């Protein structure tokens, strides 16, 4: 069985490296960067999720339903996909009454290098 303190320490170090990578990219002129681990990328950047991210990067949508219609997909599935993207910090929602407008949290999503 793996030592939990070691795995926590490893994850903390990886998190710090991702933060430093985002800062380094910002210093180099690439602001608005969200850095994912390879494991996170495998989970959240499926073709359907990428389609959502690309659509949100190209324009604003007043609601999940509007985005679903634009993508010609089921609203419930798009809502679940957005929820997963939100869990990983890629998407957020602006609320106006009962309407939730999905927005990208950052302009760029990059995957941490494998070392």
PDB file of N, CA and C in Angstrom:
ATOM      1  N   UNK A   1       0.840  -1.171   0.000  1.00  0.00           N
ATOM      2  CA  UNK A   1       0.000   0.000   0.000  1.00  0.00           C
ATOM      3  C   UNK A   1       0.891   1.242   0.000  1.00  0.00           C
ATOM      4  N   UNK A   2       0.508   2.247  -0.818  1.00  0.00           N
ATOM      5  CA  UNK A   2       1.311   3.461  -0.918  1.00  0.00           C
ATOM      6  C   UNK A   2       1.127   4.331   0.313  1.00  0.00           C
ATOM      7  N   UNK A   3       2.176   4.998   0.700  1.00  0.00           N
ATOM      8  CA  UNK A   3       2.137   5.916   1.826  1.00  0.00           C
ATOM      9  C   UNK A   3       1.388   7.176   1.397  1.00  0.00           C
ATOM     10  N   UNK A   4       0.275   7.482   2.082  1.00  0.00           N
ATOM     11  CA  UNK A   4      -0.554   8.618   1.704  1.00  0.00           C
ATOM     12  C   UNK A   4       0.192   9.938   1.822  1.00  0.00           C
ATOM     13  N   UNK A   5       1.059  10.084   2.800  1.00  0.00           N
ATOM     14  CA  UNK A   5       1.784  11.345   2.961  1.00  0.00           C
ATOM     15  C   UNK A   5       2.716  11.577   1.780  1.00  0.00           C
ATOM     16  N   UNK A   6       3.292  10.505   1.258  1.00  0.00           N
ATOM     17  CA  UNK A   6       4.166  10.635   0.094  1.00  0.00           C
ATOM     18  C   UNK A   6       3.364  11.046  -1.132  1.00  0.00           C
ATOM     19  N   UNK A   7       2.221  10.392  -1.365  1.00  0.00           N
ATOM     20  CA  UNK A   7       1.432  10.737  -2.536  1.00  0.00           C
ATOM     21  C   UNK A   7       0.880  12.153  -2.414  1.00  0.00           C
ATOM     22  N   UNK A   8       0.492  12.579  -1.192  1.00  0.00           N
ATOM     23  CA  UNK A   8       0.038  13.955  -0.996  1.00  0.00           C
ATOM     24  C   UNK A   8       1.173  14.924  -1.304  1.00  0.00           C
ATOM     25  N   UNK A   9       2.365  14.609  -0.807  1.00  0.00           N
ATOM     26  CA  UNK A   9       3.517  15.467  -1.060  1.00  0.00           C
ATOM     27  C   UNK A   9       3.843  15.549  -2.536  1.00  0.00           C
ATOM     28  N   UNK A  10       3.739  14.413  -3.241  1.00  0.00           N
ATOM     29  CA  UNK A  10       3.979  14.397  -4.681  1.00  0.00           C
ATOM     30  C   UNK A  10       2.951  15.259  -5.405  1.00  0.00           C
ATOM     31  N   UNK A  11       1.676  15.128  -5.020  1.00  0.00           N
ATOM     32  CA  UNK A  11       0.622  15.912  -5.665  1.00  0.00           C
ATOM     33  C   UNK A  11       0.794  17.398  -5.369  1.00  0.00           C
ATOM     34  N   UNK A  12       1.180  17.718  -4.146  1.00  0.00           N
ATOM     35  CA  UNK A  12       1.407  19.122  -3.793  1.00  0.00           C
ATOM     36  C   UNK A  12       2.545  19.693  -4.639  1.00  0.00           C
ATOM     37  N   UNK A  13       3.609  18.923  -4.813  1.00  0.00           N
ATOM     38  CA  UNK A  13       4.734  19.383  -5.634  1.00  0.00           C
ATOM     39  C   UNK A  13       4.307  19.565  -7.089  1.00  0.00           C
ATOM     40  N   UNK A  14       3.508  18.637  -7.592  1.00  0.00           N
ATOM     41  CA  UNK A  14       3.011  18.767  -8.979  1.00  0.00           C
ATOM     42  C   UNK A  14       2.132  20.003  -9.123  1.00  0.00           C
ATOM     43  N   UNK A  15       1.292  20.257  -8.122  1.00  0.00           N
ATOM     44  CA  UNK A  15       0.423  21.432  -8.151  1.00  0.00           C
ATOM     45  C   UNK A  15       1.251  22.713  -8.168  1.00  0.00           C
ATOM     46  N   UNK A  16       2.293  22.732  -7.361  1.00  0.00           N
ATOM     47  CA  UNK A  16       3.174  23.901  -7.334  1.00  0.00           C
ATOM     48  C   UNK A  16       3.875  24.087  -8.682  1.00  0.00           C
ATOM     49  N   UNK A  17       4.292  22.976  -9.311  1.00  0.00           N
ATOM     50  CA  UNK A  17       4.934  23.072 -10.634  1.00  0.00           C
ATOM     51  C   UNK A  17       3.944  23.601 -11.682  1.00  0.00           C
ATOM     52  N   UNK A  18       2.671  23.166 -11.622  1.00  0.00           N
ATOM     53  CA  UNK A  18       1.666  23.667 -12.559  1.00  0.00           C
ATOM     54  C   UNK A  18       1.451  25.166 -12.367  1.00  0.00           C
ATOM     55  N   UNK A  19       1.408  25.604 -11.105  1.00  0.00           N
ATOM     56  CA  UNK A  19       1.243  27.033 -10.825  1.00  0.00           C
ATOM     57  C   UNK A  19       2.433  27.826 -11.352  1.00  0.00           C
ATOM     58  N   UNK A  20       3.632  27.315 -11.133  1.00  0.00           N
ATOM     59  CA  UNK A  20       4.836  27.989 -11.632  1.00  0.00           C
ATOM     60  C   UNK A  20       4.839  28.029 -13.159  1.00  0.00           C
ATOM     61  N   UNK A  21       4.388  26.956 -13.781  1.00  0.00           N
ATOM     62  CA  UNK A  21       4.326  26.929 -15.244  1.00  0.00           C
ATOM     63  C   UNK A  21       3.369  28.008 -15.749  1.00  0.00           C
ATOM     64  N   UNK A  22       2.213  28.138 -15.115  1.00  0.00           N
ATOM     65  CA  UNK A  22       1.247  29.171 -15.512  1.00  0.00           C
ATOM     66  C   UNK A  22       1.852  30.563 -15.334  1.00  0.00           C
ATOM     67  N   UNK A  23       2.551  30.776 -14.225  1.00  0.00           N
ATOM     68  CA  UNK A  23       3.202  32.072 -13.998  1.00  0.00           C
ATOM     69  C   UNK A  23       4.283  32.342 -15.047  1.00  0.00           C
ATOM     70  N   UNK A  24       5.062  31.322 -15.376  1.00  0.00           N
ATOM     71  CA  UNK A  24       6.129  31.492 -16.374  1.00  0.00           C
ATOM     72  C   UNK A  24       5.545  31.831 -17.744  1.00  0.00           C
ATOM     73  N   UNK A  25       4.458  31.162 -18.095  1.00  0.00           N
ATOM     74  CA  UNK A  25       3.801  31.470 -19.370  1.00  0.00           C
ATOM     75  C   UNK A  25       3.267  32.896 -19.363  1.00  0.00           C
ATOM     76  N   UNK A  26       2.713  33.333 -18.234  1.00  0.00           N
ATOM     77  CA  UNK A  26       2.209  34.704 -18.126  1.00  0.00           C
ATOM     78  C   UNK A  26       3.345  35.713 -18.267  1.00  0.00           C
ATOM     79  N   UNK A  27       4.486  35.418 -17.619  1.00  0.00           N
ATOM     80  CA  UNK A  27       5.646  36.319 -17.746  1.00  0.00           C
ATOM     81  C   UNK A  27       6.115  36.394 -19.194  1.00  0.00           C
ATOM     82  N   UNK A  28       5.927  35.309 -19.931  1.00  0.00           N
ATOM     83  CA  UNK A  28       6.326  35.285 -21.332  1.00  0.00           C
ATOM     84  C   UNK A  28       5.294  35.883 -22.272  1.00  0.00           C
ATOM     85  N   UNK A  29       4.213  36.431 -21.714  1.00  0.00           N
ATOM     86  CA  UNK A  29       3.213  37.096 -22.540  1.00  0.00           C
ATOM     87  C   UNK A  29       1.969  36.270 -22.808  1.00  0.00           C
ATOM     88  N   UNK A  30       1.872  35.077 -22.235  1.00  0.00           N
ATOM     89  CA  UNK A  30       0.701  34.227 -22.462  1.00  0.00           C
ATOM     90  C   UNK A  30      -0.165  34.238 -21.204  1.00  0.00           C
ATOM     91  N   UNK A  31      -0.963  35.301 -21.054  1.00  0.00           N
ATOM     92  CA  UNK A  31      -1.841  35.423 -19.900  1.00  0.00           C
ATOM     93  C   UNK A  31      -3.045  34.505 -20.045  1.00  0.00           C
ATOM     94  N   UNK A  32      -3.733  34.282 -18.940  1.00  0.00           N
ATOM     95  CA  UNK A  32      -4.967  33.518 -18.965  1.00  0.00           C
ATOM     96  C   UNK A  32      -4.744  32.056 -19.280  1.00  0.00           C
ATOM     97  N   UNK A  33      -3.866  31.385 -18.521  1.00  0.00           N
ATOM     98  CA  UNK A  33      -3.525  29.988 -18.781  1.00  0.00           C
ATOM     99  C   UNK A  33      -4.008  29.108 -17.633  1.00  0.00           C
ATOM    100  N   UNK A  34      -4.655  28.026 -17.982  1.00  0.00           N
ATOM    101  CA  UNK A  34      -5.047  26.996 -17.010  1.00  0.00           C
ATOM    102  C   UNK A  34      -4.231  25.752 -17.340  1.00  0.00           C
ATOM    103  N   UNK A  35      -3.475  25.243 -16.375  1.00  0.00           N
ATOM    104  CA  UNK A  35      -2.597  24.095 -16.600  1.00  0.00           C
ATOM    105  C   UNK A  35      -3.242  22.844 -16.014  1.00  0.00           C
ATOM    106  N   UNK A  36      -3.369  21.812 -16.837  1.00  0.00           N
ATOM    107  CA  UNK A  36      -3.928  20.527 -16.424  1.00  0.00           C
ATOM    108  C   UNK A  36      -2.829  19.482 -16.295  1.00  0.00           C
ATOM    109  N   UNK A  37      -3.046  18.515 -15.414  1.00  0.00           N
ATOM    110  CA  UNK A  37      -2.167  17.353 -15.396  1.00  0.00           C
ATOM    111  C   UNK A  37      -2.536  16.474 -16.584  1.00  0.00           C
ATOM    112  N   UNK A  38      -1.667  15.558 -16.925  1.00  0.00           N
ATOM    113  CA  UNK A  38      -1.966  14.623 -18.007  1.00  0.00           C
ATOM    114  C   UNK A  38      -3.205  13.801 -17.662  1.00  0.00           C
ATOM    115  N   UNK A  39      -3.323  13.400 -16.393  1.00  0.00           N
ATOM    116  CA  UNK A  39      -4.484  12.615 -15.968  1.00  0.00           C
ATOM    117  C   UNK A  39      -5.771  13.413 -16.123  1.00  0.00           C
ATOM    118  N   UNK A  40      -5.742  14.680 -15.726  1.00  0.00           N
ATOM    119  CA  UNK A  40      -6.918  15.534 -15.878  1.00  0.00           C
ATOM    120  C   UNK A  40      -7.259  15.715 -17.354  1.00  0.00           C
ATOM    121  N   UNK A  41      -6.243  15.924 -18.162  1.00  0.00           N
ATOM    122  CA  UNK A  41      -6.465  16.132 -19.595  1.00  0.00           C
ATOM    123  C   UNK A  41      -7.129  14.922 -20.226  1.00  0.00           C
ATOM    124  N   UNK A  42      -6.697  13.720 -19.835  1.00  0.00           N
ATOM    125  CA  UNK A  42      -7.312  12.514 -20.379  1.00  0.00           C
ATOM    126  C   UNK A  42      -8.795  12.444 -20.032  1.00  0.00           C
ATOM    127  N   UNK A  43      -9.139  12.924 -18.844  1.00  0.00           N
ATOM    128  CA  UNK A  43     -10.534  12.878 -18.391  1.00  0.00           C
ATOM    129  C   UNK A  43     -11.388  13.968 -19.029  1.00  0.00           C
ATOM    130  N   UNK A  44     -10.867  15.167 -19.132  1.00  0.00           N
ATOM    131  CA  UNK A  44     -11.718  16.288 -19.517  1.00  0.00           C
ATOM    132  C   UNK A  44     -11.593  16.758 -20.962  1.00  0.00           C
ATOM    133  N   UNK A  45     -10.606  16.310 -21.679  1.00  0.00           N
ATOM    134  CA  UNK A  45     -10.451  16.813 -23.039  1.00  0.00           C
ATOM    135  C   UNK A  45     -10.818  15.774 -24.098  1.00  0.00           C
ATOM    136  N   UNK A  46     -11.955  15.134 -23.889  1.00  0.00           N
ATOM    137  CA  UNK A  46     -12.497  14.232 -24.904  1.00  0.00           C
ATOM    138  C   UNK A  46     -12.927  15.085 -26.102  1.00  0.00           C
ATOM    139  N   UNK A  47     -13.184  14.481 -27.246  1.00  0.00           N
ATOM    140  CA  UNK A  47     -13.627  15.270 -28.404  1.00  0.00           C
ATOM    141  C   UNK A  47     -14.871  16.124 -28.117  1.00  0.00           C
ATOM    142  N   UNK A  48     -15.842  15.597 -27.378  1.00  0.00           N
ATOM    143  CA  UNK A  48     -17.057  16.365 -27.060  1.00  0.00           C
ATOM    144  C   UNK A  48     -16.734  17.542 -26.136  1.00  0.00           C
ATOM    145  N   UNK A  49     -15.853  17.316 -25.171  1.00  0.00           N
ATOM    146  CA  UNK A  49     -15.462  18.399 -24.265  1.00  0.00           C
ATOM    147  C   UNK A  49     -14.655  19.453 -25.014  1.00  0.00           C
ATOM    148  N   UNK A  50     -13.785  19.023 -25.909  1.00  0.00           N
ATOM    149  CA  UNK A  50     -13.006  19.968 -26.702  1.00  0.00           C
ATOM    150  C   UNK A  50     -13.931  20.818 -27.565  1.00  0.00           C
ATOM    151  N   UNK A  51     -14.981  20.208 -28.090  1.00  0.00           N
ATOM    152  CA  UNK A  51     -15.958  20.929 -28.899  1.00  0.00           C
ATOM    153  C   UNK A  51     -16.602  22.057 -28.080  1.00  0.00           C
ATOM    154  N   UNK A  52     -16.926  21.760 -26.830  1.00  0.00           N
ATOM    155  CA  UNK A  52     -17.506  22.771 -25.940  1.00  0.00           C
ATOM    156  C   UNK A  52     -16.502  23.887 -25.685  1.00  0.00           C
ATOM    157  N   UNK A  53     -15.261  23.526 -25.334  1.00  0.00           N
ATOM    158  CA  UNK A  53     -14.231  24.525 -25.043  1.00  0.00           C
ATOM    159  C   UNK A  53     -13.998  25.416 -26.265  1.00  0.00           C
ATOM    160  N   UNK A  54     -13.923  24.820 -27.437  1.00  0.00           N
ATOM    161  CA  UNK A  54     -13.716  25.602 -28.658  1.00  0.00           C
ATOM    162  C   UNK A  54     -14.879  26.552 -28.915  1.00  0.00           C
ATOM    163  N   UNK A  55     -16.104  26.080 -28.725  1.00  0.00           N
ATOM    164  CA  UNK A  55     -17.281  26.939 -28.929  1.00  0.00           C
ATOM    165  C   UNK A  55     -17.262  28.110 -27.954  1.00  0.00           C
ATOM    166  N   UNK A  56     -16.962  27.831 -26.681  1.00  0.00           N
ATOM    167  CA  UNK A  56     -16.915  28.899 -25.684  1.00  0.00           C
ATOM    168  C   UNK A  56     -15.780  29.878 -25.964  1.00  0.00           C
ATOM    169  N   UNK A  57     -14.708  29.399 -26.578  1.00  0.00           N
ATOM    170  CA  UNK A  57     -13.598  30.274 -26.929  1.00  0.00           C
ATOM    171  C   UNK A  57     -13.912  31.188 -28.098  1.00  0.00           C
ATOM    172  N   UNK A  58     -14.912  30.813 -28.888  1.00  0.00           N
ATOM    173  CA  UNK A  58     -15.259  31.602 -30.069  1.00  0.00           C
ATOM    174  C   UNK A  58     -16.396  32.585 -29.833  1.00  0.00           C
ATOM    175  N   UNK A  59     -17.154  32.381 -28.765  1.00  0.00           N
ATOM    176  CA  UNK A  59     -18.264  33.299 -28.530  1.00  0.00           C
ATOM    177  C   UNK A  59     -18.920  33.055 -27.192  1.00  0.00           C
ATOM    178  N   UNK A  60     -19.814  33.959 -26.821  1.00  0.00           N
ATOM    179  CA  UNK A  60     -20.535  33.835 -25.564  1.00  0.00           C
ATOM    180  C   UNK A  60     -21.912  33.243 -25.826  1.00  0.00           C
ATOM    181  N   UNK A  61     -22.365  32.444 -24.887  1.00  0.00           N
ATOM    182  CA  UNK A  61     -23.671  31.816 -24.982  1.00  0.00           C
ATOM    183  C   UNK A  61     -24.469  32.210 -23.758  1.00  0.00           C
ATOM    184  N   UNK A  62     -25.710  32.622 -23.980  1.00  0.00           N
ATOM    185  CA  UNK A  62     -26.528  33.134 -22.873  1.00  0.00           C
ATOM    186  C   UNK A  62     -27.020  32.054 -21.932  1.00  0.00           C
ATOM    187  N   UNK A  63     -26.945  30.786 -22.374  1.00  0.00           N
ATOM    188  CA  UNK A  63     -27.414  29.694 -21.514  1.00  0.00           C
ATOM    189  C   UNK A  63     -26.824  28.376 -21.985  1.00  0.00           C
ATOM    190  N   UNK A  64     -26.967  27.359 -21.142  1.00  0.00           N
ATOM    191  CA  UNK A  64     -26.537  26.007 -21.509  1.00  0.00           C
ATOM    192  C   UNK A  64     -27.359  25.524 -22.707  1.00  0.00           C
ATOM    193  N   UNK A  65     -28.660  25.844 -22.702  1.00  0.00           N
ATOM    194  CA  UNK A  65     -29.526  25.449 -23.810  1.00  0.00           C
ATOM    195  C   UNK A  65     -29.094  26.047 -25.133  1.00  0.00           C
ATOM    196  N   UNK A  66     -28.692  27.304 -25.107  1.00  0.00           N
ATOM    197  CA  UNK A  66     -28.216  27.967 -26.332  1.00  0.00           C
ATOM    198  C   UNK A  66     -26.954  27.278 -26.852  1.00  0.00           C
ATOM    199  N   UNK A  67     -26.044  26.966 -25.948  1.00  0.00           N
ATOM    200  CA  UNK A  67     -24.821  26.258 -26.335  1.00  0.00           C
ATOM    201  C   UNK A  67     -25.162  24.884 -26.900  1.00  0.00           C
ATOM    202  N   UNK A  68     -26.060  24.170 -26.247  1.00  0.00           N
ATOM    203  CA  UNK A  68     -26.454  22.833 -26.713  1.00  0.00           C
ATOM    204  C   UNK A  68     -27.061  22.906 -28.122  1.00  0.00           C
ATOM    205  N   UNK A  69     -27.910  23.893 -28.361  1.00  0.00           N
ATOM    206  CA  UNK A  69     -28.500  24.049 -29.702  1.00  0.00           C
ATOM    207  C   UNK A  69     -27.421  24.343 -30.745  1.00  0.00           C
ATOM    208  N   UNK A  70     -26.475  25.209 -30.385  1.00  0.00           N
ATOM    209  CA  UNK A  70     -25.376  25.547 -31.312  1.00  0.00           C
ATOM    210  C   UNK A  70     -24.569  24.299 -31.669  1.00  0.00           C
ATOM    211  N   UNK A  71     -24.354  23.429 -30.676  1.00  0.00           N
ATOM    212  CA  UNK A  71     -23.560  22.214 -30.897  1.00  0.00           C
ATOM    213  C   UNK A  71     -24.400  21.055 -31.439  1.00  0.00           C
ATOM    214  N   UNK A  72     -25.718  21.285 -31.512  1.00  0.00           N
ATOM    215  CA  UNK A  72     -26.652  20.241 -31.951  1.00  0.00           C
ATOM    216  C   UNK A  72     -26.516  18.985 -31.090  1.00  0.00           C
ATOM    217  N   UNK A  73     -26.531  19.232 -29.755  1.00  0.00           N
ATOM    218  CA  UNK A  73     -26.401  18.151 -28.780  1.00  0.00           C
ATOM    219  C   UNK A  73     -27.497  18.272 -27.736  1.00  0.00           C
ATOM    220  N   UNK A  74     -27.718  17.202 -27.009  1.00  0.00           N
ATOM    221  CA  UNK A  74     -28.700  17.157 -25.941  1.00  0.00           C
ATOM    222  C   UNK A  74     -28.291  18.108 -24.813  1.00  0.00           C
ATOM    223  N   UNK A  75     -29.242  18.930 -24.340  1.00  0.00           N
ATOM    224  CA  UNK A  75     -28.952  19.910 -23.295  1.00  0.00           C
ATOM    225  C   UNK A  75     -28.459  19.234 -22.013  1.00  0.00           C
ATOM    226  N   UNK A  76     -29.066  18.117 -21.622  1.00  0.00           N
ATOM    227  CA  UNK A  76     -28.660  17.418 -20.407  1.00  0.00           C
ATOM    228  C   UNK A  76     -27.219  16.940 -20.477  1.00  0.00           C
ATOM    229  N   UNK A  77     -26.832  16.398 -21.625  1.00  0.00           N
ATOM    230  CA  UNK A  77     -25.457  15.919 -21.773  1.00  0.00           C
ATOM    231  C   UNK A  77     -24.468  17.076 -21.775  1.00  0.00           C
ATOM    232  N   UNK A  78     -24.818  18.164 -22.461  1.00  0.00           N
ATOM    233  CA  UNK A  78     -23.946  19.343 -22.469  1.00  0.00           C
ATOM    234  C   UNK A  78     -23.813  19.885 -21.049  1.00  0.00           C
ATOM    235  N   UNK A  79     -24.904  19.895 -20.301  1.00  0.00           N
ATOM    236  CA  UNK A  79     -24.870  20.355 -18.913  1.00  0.00           C
ATOM    237  C   UNK A  79     -23.942  19.482 -18.061  1.00  0.00           C
ATOM    238  N   UNK A  80     -24.017  18.160 -18.234  1.00  0.00           N
ATOM    239  CA  UNK A  80     -23.118  17.250 -17.492  1.00  0.00           C
ATOM    240  C   UNK A  80     -21.665  17.478 -17.897  1.00  0.00           C
ATOM    241  N   UNK A  81     -21.427  17.636 -19.200  1.00  0.00           N
ATOM    242  CA  UNK A  81     -20.065  17.889 -19.678  1.00  0.00           C
ATOM    243  C   UNK A  81     -19.521  19.201 -19.108  1.00  0.00           C
ATOM    244  N   UNK A  82     -20.367  20.229 -19.082  1.00  0.00           N
ATOM    245  CA  UNK A  82     -19.950  21.512 -18.509  1.00  0.00           C
ATOM    246  C   UNK A  82     -19.648  21.372 -17.021  1.00  0.00           C
ATOM    247  N   UNK A  83     -20.433  20.555 -16.331  1.00  0.00           N
ATOM    248  CA  UNK A  83     -20.189  20.320 -14.910  1.00  0.00           C
ATOM    249  C   UNK A  83     -18.811  19.724 -14.669  1.00  0.00           C
ATOM    250  N   UNK A  84     -18.431  18.745 -15.502  1.00  0.00           N
ATOM    251  CA  UNK A  84     -17.105  18.137 -15.373  1.00  0.00           C
ATOM    252  C   UNK A  84     -16.012  19.166 -15.670  1.00  0.00           C
ATOM    253  N   UNK A  85     -16.214  19.957 -16.713  1.00  0.00           N
ATOM    254  CA  UNK A  85     -15.234  20.996 -17.048  1.00  0.00           C
ATOM    255  C   UNK A  85     -15.135  22.029 -15.923  1.00  0.00           C
ATOM    256  N   UNK A  86     -16.245  22.327 -15.269  1.00  0.00           N
ATOM    257  CA  UNK A  86     -16.243  23.264 -14.141  1.00  0.00           C
ATOM    258  C   UNK A  86     -15.502  22.672 -12.941  1.00  0.00           C
ATOM    259  N   UNK A  87     -15.671  21.372 -12.697  1.00  0.00           N
ATOM    260  CA  UNK A  87     -14.957  20.713 -11.595  1.00  0.00           C
ATOM    261  C   UNK A  87     -13.445  20.843 -11.743  1.00  0.00           C
ATOM    262  N   UNK A  88     -12.982  20.905 -12.984  1.00  0.00           N
ATOM    263  CA  UNK A  88     -11.543  20.996 -13.252  1.00  0.00           C
ATOM    264  C   UNK A  88     -11.083  22.427 -13.502  1.00  0.00           C
ATOM    265  N   UNK A  89     -11.969  23.397 -13.253  1.00  0.00           N
ATOM    266  CA  UNK A  89     -11.580  24.799 -13.334  1.00  0.00           C
ATOM    267  C   UNK A  89     -11.475  25.368 -14.733  1.00  0.00           C
ATOM    268  N   UNK A  90     -12.021  24.670 -15.725  1.00  0.00           N
ATOM    269  CA  UNK A  90     -11.934  25.141 -17.105  1.00  0.00           C
ATOM    270  C   UNK A  90     -13.094  26.065 -17.448  1.00  0.00           C
ATOM    271  N   UNK A  91     -14.248  25.791 -16.846  1.00  0.00           N
ATOM    272  CA  UNK A  91     -15.471  26.534 -17.125  1.00  0.00           C
ATOM    273  C   UNK A  91     -16.051  27.054 -15.818  1.00  0.00           C
ATOM    274  N   UNK A  92     -16.706  28.193 -15.902  1.00  0.00           N
ATOM    275  CA  UNK A  92     -17.476  28.734 -14.791  1.00  0.00           C
ATOM    276  C   UNK A  92     -18.828  29.153 -15.348  1.00  0.00           C
ATOM    277  N   UNK A  93     -19.737  29.535 -14.469  1.00  0.00           N
ATOM    278  CA  UNK A  93     -21.071  29.946 -14.908  1.00  0.00           C
ATOM    279  C   UNK A  93     -21.406  31.316 -14.342  1.00  0.00           C
ATOM    280  N   UNK A  94     -21.946  32.164 -15.213  1.00  0.00           N
ATOM    281  CA  UNK A  94     -22.525  33.434 -14.774  1.00  0.00           C
ATOM    282  C   UNK A  94     -24.022  33.180 -14.677  1.00  0.00           C
ATOM    283  N   UNK A  95     -24.608  33.539 -13.559  1.00  0.00           N
ATOM    284  CA  UNK A  95     -26.035  33.288 -13.387  1.00  0.00           C
ATOM    285  C   UNK A  95     -26.822  34.585 -13.498  1.00  0.00           C
ATOM    286  N   UNK A  96     -27.986  34.468 -14.122  1.00  0.00           N
ATOM    287  CA  UNK A  96     -28.916  35.577 -14.258  1.00  0.00           C
ATOM    288  C   UNK A  96     -30.303  34.982 -14.074  1.00  0.00           C
ATOM    289  N   UNK A  97     -30.798  35.072 -12.857  1.00  0.00           N
ATOM    290  CA  UNK A  97     -32.061  34.410 -12.554  1.00  0.00           C
ATOM    291  C   UNK A  97     -31.863  32.908 -12.598  1.00  0.00           C
ATOM    292  N   UNK A  98     -32.658  32.227 -13.417  1.00  0.00           N
ATOM    293  CA  UNK A  98     -32.529  30.775 -13.549  1.00  0.00           C
ATOM    294  C   UNK A  98     -31.557  30.376 -14.654  1.00  0.00           C
ATOM    295  N   UNK A  99     -31.110  31.326 -15.450  1.00  0.00           N
ATOM    296  CA  UNK A  99     -30.225  31.044 -16.578  1.00  0.00           C
ATOM    297  C   UNK A  99     -28.763  31.003 -16.135  1.00  0.00           C
ATOM    298  N   UNK A 100     -28.039  30.005 -16.608  1.00  0.00           N
ATOM    299  CA  UNK A 100     -26.601  29.891 -16.335  1.00  0.00           C
ATOM    300  C   UNK A 100     -25.854  30.026 -17.658  1.00  0.00           C
ATOM    301  N   UNK A 101     -24.987  31.024 -17.733  1.00  0.00           N
ATOM    302  CA  UNK A 101     -24.195  31.243 -18.941  1.00  0.00           C
ATOM    303  C   UNK A 101     -22.804  30.656 -18.741  1.00  0.00           C
ATOM    304  N   UNK A 102     -22.435  29.634 -19.529  1.00  0.00           N
ATOM    305  CA  UNK A 102     -21.101  29.049 -19.377  1.00  0.00           C
ATOM    306  C   UNK A 102     -20.027  29.966 -19.951  1.00  0.00           C
ATOM    307  N   UNK A 103     -18.910  30.057 -19.230  1.00  0.00           N
ATOM    308  CA  UNK A 103     -17.769  30.879 -19.660  1.00  0.00           C
ATOM    309  C   UNK A 103     -16.478  30.125 -19.378  1.00  0.00           C
ATOM    310  N   UNK A 104     -15.495  30.312 -20.233  1.00  0.00           N
ATOM    311  CA  UNK A 104     -14.166  29.766 -19.962  1.00  0.00           C
ATOM    312  C   UNK A 104     -13.531  30.575 -18.841  1.00  0.00           C
ATOM    313  N   UNK A 105     -12.815  29.905 -17.949  1.00  0.00           N
ATOM    314  CA  UNK A 105     -12.148  30.624 -16.868  1.00  0.00           C
ATOM    315  C   UNK A 105     -10.855  31.264 -17.350  1.00  0.00           C
ATOM    316  N   UNK A 106     -10.232  30.687 -18.363  1.00  0.00           N
ATOM    317  CA  UNK A 106      -8.969  31.191 -18.893  1.00  0.00           C
ATOM    318  C   UNK A 106      -9.020  31.115 -20.416  1.00  0.00           C
ATOM    319  N   UNK A 107      -8.166  31.863 -21.058  1.00  0.00           N
ATOM    320  CA  UNK A 107      -8.128  31.877 -22.518  1.00  0.00           C
ATOM    321  C   UNK A 107      -7.419  30.652 -23.094  1.00  0.00           C
ATOM    322  N   UNK A 108      -6.523  30.030 -22.300  1.00  0.00           N
ATOM    323  CA  UNK A 108      -5.727  28.914 -22.798  1.00  0.00           C
ATOM    324  C   UNK A 108      -5.731  27.757 -21.800  1.00  0.00           C
ATOM    325  N   UNK A 109      -5.760  26.548 -22.331  1.00  0.00           N
ATOM    326  CA  UNK A 109      -5.610  25.345 -21.514  1.00  0.00           C
ATOM    327  C   UNK A 109      -4.378  24.619 -22.027  1.00  0.00           C
ATOM    328  N   UNK A 110      -3.427  24.357 -21.138  1.00  0.00           N
ATOM    329  CA  UNK A 110      -2.221  23.615 -21.518  1.00  0.00           C
ATOM    330  C   UNK A 110      -2.072  22.421 -20.596  1.00  0.00           C
ATOM    331  N   UNK A 111      -1.331  21.446 -21.056  1.00  0.00           N
ATOM    332  CA  UNK A 111      -1.089  20.219 -20.285  1.00  0.00           C
ATOM    333  C   UNK A 111       0.347  20.264 -19.796  1.00  0.00           C
ATOM    334  N   UNK A 112       0.510  19.958 -18.486  1.00  0.00           N
ATOM    335  CA  UNK A 112       1.851  19.999 -17.905  1.00  0.00           C
ATOM    336  C   UNK A 112       2.761  19.015 -18.638  1.00  0.00           C
ATOM    337  N   UNK A 113       4.019  19.368 -18.762  1.00  0.00           N
ATOM    338  CA  UNK A 113       4.955  18.469 -19.418  1.00  0.00           C
ATOM    339  C   UNK A 113       5.147  17.177 -18.604  1.00  0.00           C
ATOM    340  N   UNK A 114       5.411  16.112 -19.309  1.00  0.00           N
ATOM    341  CA  UNK A 114       5.697  14.837 -18.641  1.00  0.00           C
ATOM    342  C   UNK A 114       7.185  14.800 -18.359  1.00  0.00           C
ATOM    343  N   UNK A 115       7.532  14.635 -17.098  1.00  0.00           N
ATOM    344  CA  UNK A 115       8.944  14.638 -16.711  1.00  0.00           C
ATOM    345  C   UNK A 115       9.326  13.312 -16.113  1.00  0.00           C
TER     346      UNK A 115
END
